[in-house]
Protein backbone atom coordinates (compact mmCIF):
# COMPACT_ATOMS: atom_id res chain seq x y z
CA MET A 1 0.00 0.00 0.00
CA ALA A 2 1.32 3.42 -0.87
CA ASP A 3 2.78 5.29 2.09
CA LEU A 4 0.40 8.24 1.69
CA GLN A 5 -2.65 5.97 1.58
CA GLN A 6 -1.41 3.99 4.58
CA LEU A 7 -0.89 7.23 6.50
CA GLN A 8 -4.39 8.39 5.53
CA VAL A 9 -5.99 5.21 6.89
CA GLN A 10 -3.86 5.27 10.04
CA GLU A 11 -4.74 8.90 10.76
CA ALA A 12 -8.46 8.19 10.30
CA VAL A 13 -8.31 5.18 12.61
CA ASP A 14 -6.25 7.08 15.19
CA SER A 15 -8.75 9.94 15.13
CA MET A 16 -11.64 7.51 15.62
CA VAL A 17 -9.92 5.78 18.54
CA LYS A 18 -9.05 9.12 20.19
CA THR A 19 -12.66 10.24 19.93
CA LEU A 20 -13.97 6.99 21.39
CA GLU A 21 -11.38 7.13 24.16
CA LYS A 22 -12.20 10.71 25.04
CA GLU A 23 -16.00 10.43 24.83
CA ASN A 24 -16.59 6.91 26.13
CA ILE A 25 -13.60 5.02 27.50
CA ARG A 26 -12.41 7.71 29.93
CA LYS A 27 -15.79 7.77 31.65
CA MET A 28 -15.60 4.02 32.07
CA GLN A 29 -12.06 4.25 33.41
CA ALA A 30 -13.10 6.88 35.96
CA PHE A 31 -16.03 4.72 37.07
CA MET A 32 -13.78 1.66 37.33
CA PHE A 33 -11.28 3.44 39.59
CA ARG A 34 -13.95 4.97 41.83
CA CYS A 35 -15.80 1.66 42.03
CA SER A 36 -12.60 -0.27 42.77
CA ALA A 37 -11.63 2.19 45.49
CA SER A 38 -15.02 1.76 47.13
CA CYS A 39 -14.51 -2.02 47.12
CA CYS A 40 -11.44 -1.53 49.31
CA GLU A 41 -13.32 0.55 51.86
CA ASP A 42 -15.63 -2.28 52.86
CA LYS A 43 -14.72 -4.60 55.69
CA ALA A 44 -15.04 -7.59 53.39
CA THR A 45 -12.79 -10.58 52.90
CA MET A 46 -9.90 -10.40 50.50
CA GLN A 47 -11.81 -12.66 48.08
CA GLN A 48 -14.90 -10.44 48.24
CA VAL A 49 -12.78 -7.35 47.59
CA HIS A 50 -11.17 -9.07 44.60
CA GLN A 51 -14.58 -10.07 43.19
CA CYS A 52 -15.88 -6.54 43.70
CA ILE A 53 -12.89 -5.10 41.83
CA GLU A 54 -13.40 -7.61 39.01
CA ARG A 55 -17.04 -6.50 38.69
CA CYS A 56 -15.88 -2.88 38.55
CA HIS A 57 -13.39 -3.69 35.80
CA SER A 58 -15.82 -5.71 33.69
CA PRO A 59 -17.44 -2.82 31.71
CA LEU A 60 -14.06 -1.38 30.75
CA ALA A 61 -12.81 -4.81 29.71
CA GLN A 62 -15.93 -5.24 27.55
CA ALA A 63 -15.34 -1.84 25.95
CA GLN A 64 -11.69 -2.55 25.22
CA ALA A 65 -12.59 -5.94 23.70
CA LEU A 66 -15.23 -4.28 21.52
CA VAL A 67 -12.82 -1.67 20.17
CA THR A 68 -10.13 -4.30 19.55
CA ARG A 69 -12.60 -6.54 17.72
CA GLU A 70 -13.84 -3.70 15.51
CA LEU A 71 -10.31 -2.62 14.64
CA LYS A 72 -9.84 -5.98 12.92
CA PHE A 73 -11.20 -4.07 9.94
CA GLN A 74 -7.55 -3.22 9.32
CA ASP A 75 -6.96 -6.93 8.70
CA ARG A 76 -9.65 -6.78 6.01
CA LEU A 77 -7.80 -3.89 4.38
CA ALA A 78 -4.56 -5.88 4.46
CA ARG A 79 -6.32 -8.86 2.83
CA CYS A 80 -7.72 -6.59 0.15
CA THR A 81 -4.28 -5.18 -0.69
CA MET A 82 -2.82 -8.71 -0.68
CA HIS A 83 -5.48 -9.65 -3.23
CA CYS A 84 -4.34 -6.69 -5.36
CA ASN A 85 -0.73 -7.89 -5.10
CA ASP A 86 -1.77 -11.41 -6.12
CA LYS A 87 -3.65 -10.06 -9.14
CA ALA A 88 -0.59 -8.01 -10.12
CA LYS A 89 1.68 -11.03 -9.82
CA ASP A 90 -0.71 -13.08 -11.94
CA SER A 91 -0.76 -10.34 -14.58
CA ILE A 92 3.05 -10.20 -14.69
CA ASP A 93 3.17 -14.00 -14.95
CA ALA A 94 0.65 -13.82 -17.82
CA GLY A 95 3.05 -11.55 -19.68
CA ASN A 96 1.39 -8.17 -19.20
CA LYS A 97 3.59 -5.08 -19.32
CA GLU A 98 5.04 -3.92 -16.01
CA LEU A 99 3.79 -0.33 -16.32
CA GLN A 100 0.25 -1.53 -17.04
CA VAL A 101 0.36 -3.94 -14.09
CA LYS A 102 1.70 -1.21 -11.82
CA ARG A 103 -1.20 1.06 -12.76
CA GLN A 104 -3.70 -1.75 -12.17
CA LEU A 105 -2.10 -2.45 -8.78
CA GLU A 106 -2.25 1.21 -7.75
CA SER A 107 -5.88 1.43 -8.86
CA CYS A 108 -6.79 -1.73 -6.96
CA VAL A 109 -5.06 -0.59 -3.76
CA THR A 110 -6.66 2.86 -4.02
CA LYS A 111 -10.08 1.20 -4.29
CA CYS A 112 -9.31 -0.91 -1.21
CA VAL A 113 -8.30 2.16 0.77
CA ASP A 114 -11.30 4.18 -0.39
CA ASP A 115 -13.71 1.36 0.41
CA HIS A 116 -12.28 0.94 3.89
CA MET A 117 -12.09 4.69 4.57
CA ASN A 118 -15.81 4.82 3.76
CA LEU A 119 -16.44 2.18 6.44
CA ILE A 120 -14.92 4.27 9.24
CA PRO A 121 -17.88 6.62 9.90
CA SER A 122 -20.40 3.77 10.19
CA MET A 123 -17.96 1.73 12.24
CA THR A 124 -17.46 4.69 14.59
CA LYS A 125 -21.22 5.13 14.98
CA LYS A 126 -21.68 1.42 15.66
CA MET A 127 -18.91 1.42 18.28
CA LYS A 128 -20.29 4.53 20.01
CA GLU A 129 -23.72 2.89 20.21
CA SER A 130 -22.24 -0.36 21.51
CA LEU A 131 -20.07 1.44 24.07
CA SER A 132 -23.06 3.46 25.26
CA SER A 133 -25.04 0.27 25.79
CA ILE A 134 -22.42 -1.21 28.17
CA GLN A 135 -23.78 -0.96 31.69
CA ILE A 136 -21.44 0.70 34.18
């Protein structure tokens, strides 16, 4: 994938993650720390305190797992560009001219990037909705 296109995708993903972190994850982290601290104030057994802290951590763990799972979309982009590379190799092997194959490869990779960039807004919306539905 061309460096500029790779940078474009990475910046879009980074921006999405920063927004989710700022608007959703931080609130969950704050809740987790306050909740965990309150677990330690009780005169409970060590096991009960540990279970309480685990319950406090659960929503944040769910949120982090959700974001990680959704970011697998980058694997889809990698598979798409690998498909482009395979098509280019097949074209070279079939005797097509290198310049023509290079143009086809660039066009294919650009389409992959564009298609995946277009997925980011809906993916962001879906993640925000899913994060909002996690009970804290």
